[in-house]
PDB file of N, CA and C in Angstrom:
ATOM      1  N   MET A   1      91.885 -46.827  48.764  1.00  0.00           N
ATOM      2  CA  MET A   1      92.095 -46.300  47.799  1.00  0.00           C
ATOM      3  C   MET A   1      90.334 -46.138  46.835  1.00  0.00           C
ATOM      4  N   ASN A   2      90.137 -44.492  46.515  1.00  0.00           N
ATOM      5  CA  ASN A   2      88.828 -44.609  45.512  1.00  0.00           C
ATOM      6  C   ASN A   2      89.539 -44.420  44.175  1.00  0.00           C
ATOM      7  N   TYR A   3      89.365 -45.167  42.934  1.00  0.00           N
ATOM      8  CA  TYR A   3      89.417 -44.639  42.189  1.00  0.00           C
ATOM      9  C   TYR A   3      88.494 -43.461  41.424  1.00  0.00           C
ATOM     10  N   ILE A   4      88.701 -42.015  41.125  1.00  0.00           N
ATOM     11  CA  ILE A   4      87.462 -41.746  40.374  1.00  0.00           C
ATOM     12  C   ILE A   4      87.663 -41.106  38.928  1.00  0.00           C
ATOM     13  N   VAL A   5      87.031 -41.427  37.872  1.00  0.00           N
ATOM     14  CA  VAL A   5      87.393 -40.499  36.748  1.00  0.00           C
ATOM     15  C   VAL A   5      86.807 -39.842  36.005  1.00  0.00           C
ATOM     16  N   VAL A   6      87.117 -38.429  36.105  1.00  0.00           N
ATOM     17  CA  VAL A   6      86.696 -37.112  35.943  1.00  0.00           C
ATOM     18  C   VAL A   6      86.335 -37.000  34.327  1.00  0.00           C
ATOM     19  N   ASP A   7      85.433 -36.349  34.007  1.00  0.00           N
ATOM     20  CA  ASP A   7      85.452 -35.339  32.726  1.00  0.00           C
ATOM     21  C   ASP A   7      84.980 -34.143  32.654  1.00  0.00           C
ATOM     22  N   LEU A   8      85.584 -33.484  32.746  1.00  0.00           N
ATOM     23  CA  LEU A   8      85.171 -31.820  32.775  1.00  0.00           C
ATOM     24  C   LEU A   8      84.645 -31.051  31.537  1.00  0.00           C
ATOM     25  N   GLU A   9      83.698 -30.257  31.564  1.00  0.00           N
ATOM     26  CA  GLU A   9      83.118 -29.706  30.345  1.00  0.00           C
ATOM     27  C   GLU A   9      83.880 -28.261  30.652  1.00  0.00           C
ATOM     28  N   TRP A  10      83.978 -27.353  29.641  1.00  0.00           N
ATOM     29  CA  TRP A  10      83.665 -25.862  29.956  1.00  0.00           C
ATOM     30  C   TRP A  10      83.687 -24.903  28.953  1.00  0.00           C
ATOM     31  N   ASN A  11      83.563 -24.057  29.070  1.00  0.00           N
ATOM     32  CA  ASN A  11      83.684 -23.022  28.037  1.00  0.00           C
ATOM     33  C   ASN A  11      84.304 -21.643  28.125  1.00  0.00           C
ATOM     34  N   GLN A  12      84.701 -21.765  27.198  1.00  0.00           N
ATOM     35  CA  GLN A  12      86.216 -20.265  26.745  1.00  0.00           C
ATOM     36  C   GLN A  12      85.338 -19.592  25.744  1.00  0.00           C
ATOM     37  N   ALA A  13      85.972 -18.208  25.949  1.00  0.00           N
ATOM     38  CA  ALA A  13      86.017 -16.965  25.522  1.00  0.00           C
ATOM     39  C   ALA A  13      86.160 -17.453  23.988  1.00  0.00           C
ATOM     40  N   MET A  14      84.987 -16.315  23.221  1.00  0.00           N
ATOM     41  CA  MET A  14      84.864 -16.006  21.976  1.00  0.00           C
ATOM     42  C   MET A  14      86.239 -16.222  20.905  1.00  0.00           C
ATOM     43  N   SER A  15      87.061 -15.194  21.672  1.00  0.00           N
ATOM     44  CA  SER A  15      88.721 -15.087  20.769  1.00  0.00           C
ATOM     45  C   SER A  15      89.227 -14.576  21.883  1.00  0.00           C
ATOM     46  N   SER A  16      90.743 -14.727  21.819  1.00  0.00           N
ATOM     47  CA  SER A  16      91.821 -14.492  22.628  1.00  0.00           C
ATOM     48  C   SER A  16      92.026 -13.576  23.141  1.00  0.00           C
ATOM     49  N   LYS A  17      91.327 -12.698  22.308  1.00  0.00           N
ATOM     50  CA  LYS A  17      91.447 -10.732  22.285  1.00  0.00           C
ATOM     51  C   LYS A  17      90.081 -10.312  23.129  1.00  0.00           C
ATOM     52  N   SER A  18      89.683 -11.099  23.755  1.00  0.00           N
ATOM     53  CA  SER A  18      87.957 -11.189  24.096  1.00  0.00           C
ATOM     54  C   SER A  18      88.481 -10.493  26.084  1.00  0.00           C
ATOM     55  N   SER A  19      87.465  -8.776  25.584  1.00  0.00           N
ATOM     56  CA  SER A  19      87.983  -7.704  26.368  1.00  0.00           C
ATOM     57  C   SER A  19      87.739  -8.406  28.115  1.00  0.00           C
ATOM     58  N   VAL A  20      86.961 -10.174  28.445  1.00  0.00           N
ATOM     59  CA  VAL A  20      87.144 -10.117  29.531  1.00  0.00           C
ATOM     60  C   VAL A  20      88.341 -10.877  30.247  1.00  0.00           C
ATOM     61  N   PHE A  21      89.397 -11.020  29.371  1.00  0.00           N
ATOM     62  CA  PHE A  21      90.561 -11.258  29.987  1.00  0.00           C
ATOM     63  C   PHE A  21      91.122 -10.054  30.761  1.00  0.00           C
ATOM     64  N   ASN A  22      90.764  -8.945  30.415  1.00  0.00           N
ATOM     65  CA  ASN A  22      91.483  -7.592  31.304  1.00  0.00           C
ATOM     66  C   ASN A  22      91.067  -7.487  32.691  1.00  0.00           C
ATOM     67  N   LYS A  23      89.674  -8.211  32.804  1.00  0.00           N
ATOM     68  CA  LYS A  23      88.836  -7.967  33.605  1.00  0.00           C
ATOM     69  C   LYS A  23      89.200  -9.207  35.056  1.00  0.00           C
ATOM     70  N   LEU A  24      90.216 -10.354  34.092  1.00  0.00           N
ATOM     71  CA  LEU A  24      90.375 -11.602  35.569  1.00  0.00           C
ATOM     72  C   LEU A  24      91.613 -11.380  35.651  1.00  0.00           C
ATOM     73  N   PRO A  25      91.969 -11.875  37.136  1.00  0.00           N
ATOM     74  CA  PRO A  25      93.500 -11.667  37.820  1.00  0.00           C
ATOM     75  C   PRO A  25      94.480 -13.115  36.564  1.00  0.00           C
ATOM     76  N   ILE A  26      93.862 -14.097  36.268  1.00  0.00           N
ATOM     77  CA  ILE A  26      94.795 -15.408  35.841  1.00  0.00           C
ATOM     78  C   ILE A  26      94.231 -14.682  34.374  1.00  0.00           C
ATOM     79  N   HIS A  27      94.711 -15.674  33.377  1.00  0.00           N
ATOM     80  CA  HIS A  27      94.565 -15.953  32.157  1.00  0.00           C
ATOM     81  C   HIS A  27      93.286 -17.727  32.364  1.00  0.00           C
ATOM     82  N   LEU A  28      92.493 -17.330  32.411  1.00  0.00           N
ATOM     83  CA  LEU A  28      91.587 -18.497  32.920  1.00  0.00           C
ATOM     84  C   LEU A  28      91.001 -18.974  31.074  1.00  0.00           C
ATOM     85  N   ARG A  29      91.876 -20.204  30.368  1.00  0.00           N
ATOM     86  CA  ARG A  29      91.178 -20.638  29.725  1.00  0.00           C
ATOM     87  C   ARG A  29      89.835 -21.536  29.152  1.00  0.00           C
ATOM     88  N   GLY A  30      89.598 -21.983  30.229  1.00  0.00           N
ATOM     89  CA  GLY A  30      88.351 -22.498  29.922  1.00  0.00           C
ATOM     90  C   GLY A  30      87.299 -22.089  31.749  1.00  0.00           C
ATOM     91  N   GLU A  31      86.106 -21.866  31.639  1.00  0.00           N
ATOM     92  CA  GLU A  31      85.198 -21.803  32.898  1.00  0.00           C
ATOM     93  C   GLU A  31      84.217 -23.324  32.917  1.00  0.00           C
ATOM     94  N   ILE A  32      84.874 -23.975  33.670  1.00  0.00           N
ATOM     95  CA  ILE A  32      84.036 -25.327  33.409  1.00  0.00           C
ATOM     96  C   ILE A  32      82.195 -25.328  34.116  1.00  0.00           C
ATOM     97  N   ILE A  33      81.625 -25.743  33.152  1.00  0.00           N
ATOM     98  CA  ILE A  33      79.986 -25.805  33.037  1.00  0.00           C
ATOM     99  C   ILE A  33      79.611 -27.143  33.637  1.00  0.00           C
ATOM    100  N   GLU A  34      80.703 -28.060  33.416  1.00  0.00           N
ATOM    101  CA  GLU A  34      79.790 -29.085  34.035  1.00  0.00           C
ATOM    102  C   GLU A  34      81.381 -30.242  34.620  1.00  0.00           C
ATOM    103  N   ILE A  35      80.759 -30.459  35.909  1.00  0.00           N
ATOM    104  CA  ILE A  35      81.580 -31.849  36.306  1.00  0.00           C
ATOM    105  C   ILE A  35      81.026 -32.733  36.293  1.00  0.00           C
ATOM    106  N   GLY A  36      82.002 -34.488  35.509  1.00  0.00           N
ATOM    107  CA  GLY A  36      81.141 -35.127  35.790  1.00  0.00           C
ATOM    108  C   GLY A  36      81.921 -36.188  36.131  1.00  0.00           C
ATOM    109  N   ALA A  37      81.749 -37.023  36.938  1.00  0.00           N
ATOM    110  CA  ALA A  37      82.729 -38.468  37.344  1.00  0.00           C
ATOM    111  C   ALA A  37      82.035 -39.796  37.301  1.00  0.00           C
ATOM    112  N   VAL A  38      82.480 -40.870  37.436  1.00  0.00           N
ATOM    113  CA  VAL A  38      82.156 -42.261  38.038  1.00  0.00           C
ATOM    114  C   VAL A  38      83.104 -43.021  38.857  1.00  0.00           C
ATOM    115  N   LYS A  39      83.085 -43.246  39.837  1.00  0.00           N
ATOM    116  CA  LYS A  39      83.433 -44.110  40.973  1.00  0.00           C
ATOM    117  C   LYS A  39      83.940 -45.482  40.058  1.00  0.00           C
ATOM    118  N   LEU A  40      85.212 -45.917  40.158  1.00  0.00           N
ATOM    119  CA  LEU A  40      85.382 -47.557  39.893  1.00  0.00           C
ATOM    120  C   LEU A  40      85.044 -48.378  41.029  1.00  0.00           C
ATOM    121  N   ASN A  41      84.722 -49.206  40.913  1.00  0.00           N
ATOM    122  CA  ASN A  41      84.664 -50.248  42.174  1.00  0.00           C
ATOM    123  C   ASN A  41      85.577 -51.086  42.151  1.00  0.00           C
ATOM    124  N   PRO A  42      86.019 -51.833  43.429  1.00  0.00           N
ATOM    125  CA  PRO A  42      87.274 -52.450  43.412  1.00  0.00           C
ATOM    126  C   PRO A  42      87.430 -53.308  41.787  1.00  0.00           C
ATOM    127  N   ASP A  43      86.951 -54.182  41.149  1.00  0.00           N
ATOM    128  CA  ASP A  43      87.045 -54.916  40.065  1.00  0.00           C
ATOM    129  C   ASP A  43      87.611 -53.547  38.976  1.00  0.00           C
ATOM    130  N   MET A  44      87.139 -52.765  39.406  1.00  0.00           N
ATOM    131  CA  MET A  44      87.159 -51.569  38.271  1.00  0.00           C
ATOM    132  C   MET A  44      86.568 -51.540  36.954  1.00  0.00           C
ATOM    133  N   SER A  45      85.426 -52.304  37.838  1.00  0.00           N
ATOM    134  CA  SER A  45      84.020 -51.767  36.472  1.00  0.00           C
ATOM    135  C   SER A  45      83.521 -50.737  37.348  1.00  0.00           C
ATOM    136  N   LEU A  46      82.261 -49.866  36.678  1.00  0.00           N
ATOM    137  CA  LEU A  46      81.794 -48.840  36.615  1.00  0.00           C
ATOM    138  C   LEU A  46      80.870 -48.752  37.552  1.00  0.00           C
ATOM    139  N   GLY A  47      81.031 -47.228  38.722  1.00  0.00           N
ATOM    140  CA  GLY A  47      80.253 -47.710  40.169  1.00  0.00           C
ATOM    141  C   GLY A  47      79.154 -46.525  39.581  1.00  0.00           C
ATOM    142  N   GLU A  48      79.538 -46.050  41.015  1.00  0.00           N
ATOM    143  CA  GLU A  48      78.349 -44.626  41.013  1.00  0.00           C
ATOM    144  C   GLU A  48      78.818 -43.697  40.187  1.00  0.00           C
ATOM    145  N   GLU A  49      77.785 -42.333  39.688  1.00  0.00           N
ATOM    146  CA  GLU A  49      78.433 -41.466  39.000  1.00  0.00           C
ATOM    147  C   GLU A  49      77.882 -40.639  39.892  1.00  0.00           C
ATOM    148  N   PHE A  50      78.424 -38.959  38.837  1.00  0.00           N
ATOM    149  CA  PHE A  50      78.301 -37.685  39.651  1.00  0.00           C
ATOM    150  C   PHE A  50      77.925 -37.074  38.734  1.00  0.00           C
ATOM    151  N   THR A  51      77.353 -36.082  38.382  1.00  0.00           N
ATOM    152  CA  THR A  51      77.228 -34.785  37.672  1.00  0.00           C
ATOM    153  C   THR A  51      76.653 -33.879  38.058  1.00  0.00           C
ATOM    154  N   VAL A  52      77.050 -32.454  37.972  1.00  0.00           N
ATOM    155  CA  VAL A  52      76.422 -31.284  38.274  1.00  0.00           C
ATOM    156  C   VAL A  52      76.625 -30.155  37.107  1.00  0.00           C
ATOM    157  N   ASP A  53      75.549 -29.388  36.250  1.00  0.00           N
ATOM    158  CA  ASP A  53      76.333 -28.361  35.816  1.00  0.00           C
ATOM    159  C   ASP A  53      76.260 -27.275  36.437  1.00  0.00           C
ATOM    160  N   VAL A  54      77.603 -26.335  36.191  1.00  0.00           N
ATOM    161  CA  VAL A  54      77.914 -25.238  36.248  1.00  0.00           C
ATOM    162  C   VAL A  54      77.501 -24.170  35.939  1.00  0.00           C
ATOM    163  N   LYS A  55      77.395 -22.814  36.566  1.00  0.00           N
ATOM    164  CA  LYS A  55      76.946 -21.931  36.208  1.00  0.00           C
ATOM    165  C   LYS A  55      78.024 -20.587  36.009  1.00  0.00           C
ATOM    166  N   PRO A  56      77.910 -20.573  34.401  1.00  0.00           N
ATOM    167  CA  PRO A  56      79.179 -19.488  34.273  1.00  0.00           C
ATOM    168  C   PRO A  56      78.950 -18.337  34.284  1.00  0.00           C
ATOM    169  N   VAL A  57      79.892 -17.469  35.096  1.00  0.00           N
ATOM    170  CA  VAL A  57      80.101 -16.479  35.789  1.00  0.00           C
ATOM    171  C   VAL A  57      81.006 -15.493  34.779  1.00  0.00           C
ATOM    172  N   TYR A  58      81.919 -16.031  34.341  1.00  0.00           N
ATOM    173  CA  TYR A  58      83.128 -15.072  33.099  1.00  0.00           C
ATOM    174  C   TYR A  58      82.768 -15.147  31.645  1.00  0.00           C
ATOM    175  N   PHE A  59      82.530 -16.956  31.441  1.00  0.00           N
ATOM    176  CA  PHE A  59      82.296 -16.435  29.733  1.00  0.00           C
ATOM    177  C   PHE A  59      80.935 -16.596  29.752  1.00  0.00           C
ATOM    178  N   LYS A  60      80.098 -15.933  30.038  1.00  0.00           N
ATOM    179  CA  LYS A  60      78.540 -16.030  29.830  1.00  0.00           C
ATOM    180  C   LYS A  60      78.244 -16.991  28.935  1.00  0.00           C
ATOM    181  N   ARG A  61      78.394 -15.859  27.551  1.00  0.00           N
ATOM    182  CA  ARG A  61      78.332 -16.421  26.165  1.00  0.00           C
ATOM    183  C   ARG A  61      79.061 -17.706  25.863  1.00  0.00           C
ATOM    184  N   MET A  62      77.848 -18.640  25.286  1.00  0.00           N
ATOM    185  CA  MET A  62      78.455 -20.223  24.823  1.00  0.00           C
ATOM    186  C   MET A  62      79.236 -20.209  23.729  1.00  0.00           C
ATOM    187  N   HIS A  63      80.126 -20.551  23.580  1.00  0.00           N
ATOM    188  CA  HIS A  63      81.448 -20.392  22.653  1.00  0.00           C
ATOM    189  C   HIS A  63      80.796 -21.770  21.219  1.00  0.00           C
ATOM    190  N   TYR A  64      80.351 -21.251  20.269  1.00  0.00           N
ATOM    191  CA  TYR A  64      79.771 -21.988  19.352  1.00  0.00           C
ATOM    192  C   TYR A  64      80.303 -23.405  18.992  1.00  0.00           C
ATOM    193  N   LYS A  65      81.214 -23.915  19.312  1.00  0.00           N
ATOM    194  CA  LYS A  65      81.936 -24.867  19.210  1.00  0.00           C
ATOM    195  C   LYS A  65      81.226 -25.717  20.559  1.00  0.00           C
ATOM    196  N   VAL A  66      81.092 -25.314  21.739  1.00  0.00           N
ATOM    197  CA  VAL A  66      81.287 -25.973  22.926  1.00  0.00           C
ATOM    198  C   VAL A  66      80.228 -26.320  23.048  1.00  0.00           C
ATOM    199  N   LYS A  67      79.345 -25.273  22.383  1.00  0.00           N
ATOM    200  CA  LYS A  67      77.863 -25.423  22.591  1.00  0.00           C
ATOM    201  C   LYS A  67      77.838 -27.030  21.732  1.00  0.00           C
ATOM    202  N   LYS A  68      78.403 -27.008  20.262  1.00  0.00           N
ATOM    203  CA  LYS A  68      77.572 -27.526  19.151  1.00  0.00           C
ATOM    204  C   LYS A  68      78.350 -28.862  19.645  1.00  0.00           C
ATOM    205  N   ILE A  69      79.957 -29.495  20.453  1.00  0.00           N
ATOM    206  CA  ILE A  69      80.044 -30.642  21.109  1.00  0.00           C
ATOM    207  C   ILE A  69      79.330 -30.984  22.099  1.00  0.00           C
ATOM    208  N   THR A  70      78.842 -29.957  23.238  1.00  0.00           N
ATOM    209  CA  THR A  70      78.688 -30.445  24.636  1.00  0.00           C
ATOM    210  C   THR A  70      76.859 -30.539  24.566  1.00  0.00           C
ATOM    211  N   GLY A  71      76.373 -29.544  23.753  1.00  0.00           N
ATOM    212  CA  GLY A  71      74.434 -29.327  23.715  1.00  0.00           C
ATOM    213  C   GLY A  71      74.353 -28.752  24.803  1.00  0.00           C
ATOM    214  N   PHE A  72      75.487 -27.691  25.145  1.00  0.00           N
ATOM    215  CA  PHE A  72      74.307 -27.190  26.588  1.00  0.00           C
ATOM    216  C   PHE A  72      73.861 -25.834  25.617  1.00  0.00           C
ATOM    217  N   ASP A  73      72.944 -24.812  26.421  1.00  0.00           N
ATOM    218  CA  ASP A  73      73.313 -23.944  26.243  1.00  0.00           C
ATOM    219  C   ASP A  73      72.874 -23.084  27.500  1.00  0.00           C
ATOM    220  N   LYS A  74      72.596 -21.915  26.922  1.00  0.00           N
ATOM    221  CA  LYS A  74      72.678 -20.961  28.406  1.00  0.00           C
ATOM    222  C   LYS A  74      71.447 -20.683  29.142  1.00  0.00           C
ATOM    223  N   GLU A  75      70.211 -21.302  28.254  1.00  0.00           N
ATOM    224  CA  GLU A  75      69.161 -21.975  29.558  1.00  0.00           C
ATOM    225  C   GLU A  75      69.844 -22.710  30.470  1.00  0.00           C
ATOM    226  N   ARG A  76      69.750 -24.028  30.157  1.00  0.00           N
ATOM    227  CA  ARG A  76      70.532 -24.935  30.867  1.00  0.00           C
ATOM    228  C   ARG A  76      71.621 -24.433  31.738  1.00  0.00           C
ATOM    229  N   LEU A  77      72.698 -23.921  31.503  1.00  0.00           N
ATOM    230  CA  LEU A  77      73.687 -23.548  32.569  1.00  0.00           C
ATOM    231  C   LEU A  77      73.117 -22.292  33.042  1.00  0.00           C
ATOM    232  N   SER A  78      72.543 -21.884  32.969  1.00  0.00           N
ATOM    233  CA  SER A  78      71.472 -20.612  33.818  1.00  0.00           C
ATOM    234  C   SER A  78      70.871 -21.353  35.312  1.00  0.00           C
ATOM    235  N   HIS A  79      70.333 -22.482  35.315  1.00  0.00           N
ATOM    236  CA  HIS A  79      69.901 -23.634  36.603  1.00  0.00           C
ATOM    237  C   HIS A  79      71.434 -24.272  37.286  1.00  0.00           C
ATOM    238  N   GLY A  80      72.299 -23.864  36.542  1.00  0.00           N
ATOM    239  CA  GLY A  80      73.884 -24.847  37.119  1.00  0.00           C
ATOM    240  C   GLY A  80      74.140 -24.185  38.991  1.00  0.00           C
ATOM    241  N   LEU A  81      74.679 -25.011  38.879  1.00  0.00           N
ATOM    242  CA  LEU A  81      75.058 -24.503  40.530  1.00  0.00           C
ATOM    243  C   LEU A  81      76.503 -23.373  40.399  1.00  0.00           C
ATOM    244  N   PRO A  82      76.450 -22.484  41.401  1.00  0.00           N
ATOM    245  CA  PRO A  82      78.003 -21.866  41.197  1.00  0.00           C
ATOM    246  C   PRO A  82      79.073 -22.170  41.364  1.00  0.00           C
ATOM    247  N   PHE A  83      79.887 -22.402  40.960  1.00  0.00           N
ATOM    248  CA  PHE A  83      80.955 -23.652  41.206  1.00  0.00           C
ATOM    249  C   PHE A  83      81.404 -23.763  42.283  1.00  0.00           C
ATOM    250  N   PRO A  84      81.466 -22.756  43.243  1.00  0.00           N
ATOM    251  CA  PRO A  84      81.963 -22.765  44.892  1.00  0.00           C
ATOM    252  C   PRO A  84      81.447 -24.233  45.186  1.00  0.00           C
ATOM    253  N   ASP A  85      79.826 -24.060  45.007  1.00  0.00           N
ATOM    254  CA  ASP A  85      78.598 -25.164  45.512  1.00  0.00           C
ATOM    255  C   ASP A  85      78.945 -26.351  44.608  1.00  0.00           C
ATOM    256  N   ALA A  86      79.169 -26.236  43.190  1.00  0.00           N
ATOM    257  CA  ALA A  86      79.468 -27.687  42.396  1.00  0.00           C
ATOM    258  C   ALA A  86      80.666 -28.540  43.084  1.00  0.00           C
ATOM    259  N   LEU A  87      81.622 -27.885  43.474  1.00  0.00           N
ATOM    260  CA  LEU A  87      83.170 -28.121  43.691  1.00  0.00           C
ATOM    261  C   LEU A  87      83.162 -29.030  45.283  1.00  0.00           C
ATOM    262  N   GLU A  88      82.084 -28.273  46.001  1.00  0.00           N
ATOM    263  CA  GLU A  88      81.497 -28.669  47.174  1.00  0.00           C
ATOM    264  C   GLU A  88      81.297 -29.755  47.157  1.00  0.00           C
ATOM    265  N   ALA A  89      79.780 -30.070  46.726  1.00  0.00           N
ATOM    266  CA  ALA A  89      79.203 -31.275  46.250  1.00  0.00           C
ATOM    267  C   ALA A  89      79.763 -32.362  45.539  1.00  0.00           C
ATOM    268  N   PHE A  90      81.235 -31.941  44.590  1.00  0.00           N
ATOM    269  CA  PHE A  90      82.149 -32.727  44.512  1.00  0.00           C
ATOM    270  C   PHE A  90      82.735 -33.533  45.192  1.00  0.00           C
ATOM    271  N   ARG A  91      83.653 -32.720  46.039  1.00  0.00           N
ATOM    272  CA  ARG A  91      84.224 -33.342  47.259  1.00  0.00           C
ATOM    273  C   ARG A  91      83.473 -34.350  48.234  1.00  0.00           C
ATOM    274  N   ALA A  92      82.379 -33.370  48.250  1.00  0.00           N
ATOM    275  CA  ALA A  92      81.813 -34.216  49.184  1.00  0.00           C
ATOM    276  C   ALA A  92      80.926 -35.866  49.203  1.00  0.00           C
ATOM    277  N   TRP A  93      81.332 -36.166  47.522  1.00  0.00           N
ATOM    278  CA  TRP A  93      81.053 -36.819  46.899  1.00  0.00           C
ATOM    279  C   TRP A  93      82.332 -37.981  46.604  1.00  0.00           C
ATOM    280  N   CYS A  94      83.177 -37.133  46.439  1.00  0.00           N
ATOM    281  CA  CYS A  94      84.543 -37.945  46.164  1.00  0.00           C
ATOM    282  C   CYS A  94      84.916 -39.070  48.001  1.00  0.00           C
ATOM    283  N   GLY A  95      84.666 -38.273  49.030  1.00  0.00           N
ATOM    284  CA  GLY A  95      85.419 -38.565  50.056  1.00  0.00           C
ATOM    285  C   GLY A  95      86.576 -38.135  50.345  1.00  0.00           C
ATOM    286  N   GLU A  96      86.806 -39.468  50.486  1.00  0.00           N
ATOM    287  CA  GLU A  96      88.521 -39.432  51.410  1.00  0.00           C
ATOM    288  C   GLU A  96      89.526 -40.582  50.517  1.00  0.00           C
ATOM    289  N   ASP A  97      90.560 -40.181  50.775  1.00  0.00           N
ATOM    290  CA  ASP A  97      91.694 -41.267  50.112  1.00  0.00           C
ATOM    291  C   ASP A  97      91.084 -41.507  48.443  1.00  0.00           C
ATOM    292  N   VAL A  98      91.274 -40.618  47.463  1.00  0.00           N
ATOM    293  CA  VAL A  98      90.911 -40.407  46.144  1.00  0.00           C
ATOM    294  C   VAL A  98      92.272 -40.572  45.445  1.00  0.00           C
ATOM    295  N   THR A  99      92.565 -41.101  44.132  1.00  0.00           N
ATOM    296  CA  THR A  99      93.763 -41.046  42.863  1.00  0.00           C
ATOM    297  C   THR A  99      92.113 -40.063  41.969  1.00  0.00           C
ATOM    298  N   PHE A 100      92.241 -39.306  41.682  1.00  0.00           N
ATOM    299  CA  PHE A 100      91.476 -38.948  39.729  1.00  0.00           C
ATOM    300  C   PHE A 100      92.488 -39.298  38.794  1.00  0.00           C
ATOM    301  N   LEU A 101      91.538 -39.925  37.782  1.00  0.00           N
ATOM    302  CA  LEU A 101      91.581 -40.260  36.533  1.00  0.00           C
ATOM    303  C   LEU A 101      90.943 -39.827  35.710  1.00  0.00           C
ATOM    304  N   THR A 102      91.675 -39.035  34.569  1.00  0.00           N
ATOM    305  CA  THR A 102      91.191 -38.377  33.882  1.00  0.00           C
ATOM    306  C   THR A 102      91.335 -38.426  32.320  1.00  0.00           C
ATOM    307  N   TRP A 103      90.454 -38.000  31.164  1.00  0.00           N
ATOM    308  CA  TRP A 103      90.368 -38.749  29.996  1.00  0.00           C
ATOM    309  C   TRP A 103      91.414 -38.029  28.943  1.00  0.00           C
ATOM    310  N   GLY A 104      92.233 -36.692  29.929  1.00  0.00           N
ATOM    311  CA  GLY A 104      93.047 -35.913  28.805  1.00  0.00           C
ATOM    312  C   GLY A 104      93.711 -35.002  29.535  1.00  0.00           C
ATOM    313  N   CYS A 105      94.821 -34.361  29.035  1.00  0.00           N
ATOM    314  CA  CYS A 105      95.655 -33.667  29.974  1.00  0.00           C
ATOM    315  C   CYS A 105      95.177 -32.228  30.327  1.00  0.00           C
ATOM    316  N   ASP A 106      93.965 -31.970  29.752  1.00  0.00           N
ATOM    317  CA  ASP A 106      93.836 -30.743  30.355  1.00  0.00           C
ATOM    318  C   ASP A 106      92.650 -30.493  31.216  1.00  0.00           C
ATOM    319  N   ASP A 107      92.419 -31.436  31.697  1.00  0.00           N
ATOM    320  CA  ASP A 107      90.637 -31.166  33.070  1.00  0.00           C
ATOM    321  C   ASP A 107      91.952 -30.774  34.321  1.00  0.00           C
ATOM    322  N   LYS A 108      93.310 -31.442  34.484  1.00  0.00           N
ATOM    323  CA  LYS A 108      93.386 -30.885  35.562  1.00  0.00           C
ATOM    324  C   LYS A 108      94.061 -29.171  35.564  1.00  0.00           C
ATOM    325  N   GLY A 109      94.650 -28.989  34.707  1.00  0.00           N
ATOM    326  CA  GLY A 109      94.824 -27.299  34.651  1.00  0.00           C
ATOM    327  C   GLY A 109      94.017 -26.772  34.812  1.00  0.00           C
ATOM    328  N   ILE A 110      92.240 -26.609  33.911  1.00  0.00           N
ATOM    329  CA  ILE A 110      91.129 -26.543  33.937  1.00  0.00           C
ATOM    330  C   ILE A 110      90.738 -26.510  35.724  1.00  0.00           C
ATOM    331  N   MET A 111      90.848 -27.107  35.902  1.00  0.00           N
ATOM    332  CA  MET A 111      90.408 -27.142  37.239  1.00  0.00           C
ATOM    333  C   MET A 111      91.007 -26.623  38.345  1.00  0.00           C
ATOM    334  N   GLU A 112      92.012 -26.754  37.972  1.00  0.00           N
ATOM    335  CA  GLU A 112      93.276 -25.685  39.547  1.00  0.00           C
ATOM    336  C   GLU A 112      93.264 -24.296  39.070  1.00  0.00           C
ATOM    337  N   GLN A 113      92.561 -23.804  37.342  1.00  0.00           N
ATOM    338  CA  GLN A 113      92.440 -22.516  37.204  1.00  0.00           C
ATOM    339  C   GLN A 113      91.180 -22.032  37.509  1.00  0.00           C
ATOM    340  N   ASN A 114      89.985 -22.788  37.590  1.00  0.00           N
ATOM    341  CA  ASN A 114      88.927 -22.347  38.241  1.00  0.00           C
ATOM    342  C   ASN A 114      88.965 -21.871  39.574  1.00  0.00           C
ATOM    343  N   ILE A 115      89.401 -23.335  41.091  1.00  0.00           N
ATOM    344  CA  ILE A 115      89.566 -23.340  42.139  1.00  0.00           C
ATOM    345  C   ILE A 115      90.289 -22.074  42.307  1.00  0.00           C
ATOM    346  N   ILE A 116      91.290 -21.675  41.498  1.00  0.00           N
ATOM    347  CA  ILE A 116      92.469 -20.202  42.020  1.00  0.00           C
ATOM    348  C   ILE A 116      91.698 -19.059  41.496  1.00  0.00           C
ATOM    349  N   ILE A 117      90.619 -18.760  40.739  1.00  0.00           N
ATOM    350  CA  ILE A 117      89.871 -17.885  39.705  1.00  0.00           C
ATOM    351  C   ILE A 117      88.410 -17.634  41.070  1.00  0.00           C
ATOM    352  N   HIS A 118      88.612 -18.791  41.527  1.00  0.00           N
ATOM    353  CA  HIS A 118      87.631 -18.316  42.731  1.00  0.00           C
ATOM    354  C   HIS A 118      87.692 -18.534  43.771  1.00  0.00           C
ATOM    355  N   ASP A 119      89.223 -18.384  44.270  1.00  0.00           N
ATOM    356  CA  ASP A 119      89.779 -18.361  45.411  1.00  0.00           C
ATOM    357  C   ASP A 119      89.367 -19.454  46.400  1.00  0.00           C
ATOM    358  N   LEU A 120      89.090 -20.533  45.924  1.00  0.00           N
ATOM    359  CA  LEU A 120      89.146 -22.104  47.381  1.00  0.00           C
ATOM    360  C   LEU A 120      90.038 -22.463  47.047  1.00  0.00           C
ATOM    361  N   ASP A 121      90.063 -23.999  48.132  1.00  0.00           N
ATOM    362  CA  ASP A 121      91.277 -24.697  48.250  1.00  0.00           C
ATOM    363  C   ASP A 121      90.352 -26.061  47.874  1.00  0.00           C
ATOM    364  N   TRP A 122      91.414 -26.265  47.464  1.00  0.00           N
ATOM    365  CA  TRP A 122      91.189 -28.154  47.392  1.00  0.00           C
ATOM    366  C   TRP A 122      90.728 -29.216  48.678  1.00  0.00           C
TER     367      TRP A 122
END
């Protein structure tokens, strides 16, 4: 079994009343802009790292708080991978027989929403 600690960064709409919500099939709380992870070695020490920037398609304008916390800007994310490609790269890196650990309770739900909105399977 491989243990992988995941840390997602995501952008959000500027307002809960944003017009982008009228165009989406689900209420997307956050659009992933970075997938970061580290594999834990058998002794639980830090192992191989993974990181990929994701180019946003729904929340293209960076929320000022997200920009302040992450330091990410529109220019950096314009070079990111589309979410389906980023997810595929992450899946390939993870391998089989994986247990995910996260820093907080939101990462799982945000990942699920992004998979759904892009009509993907895990």
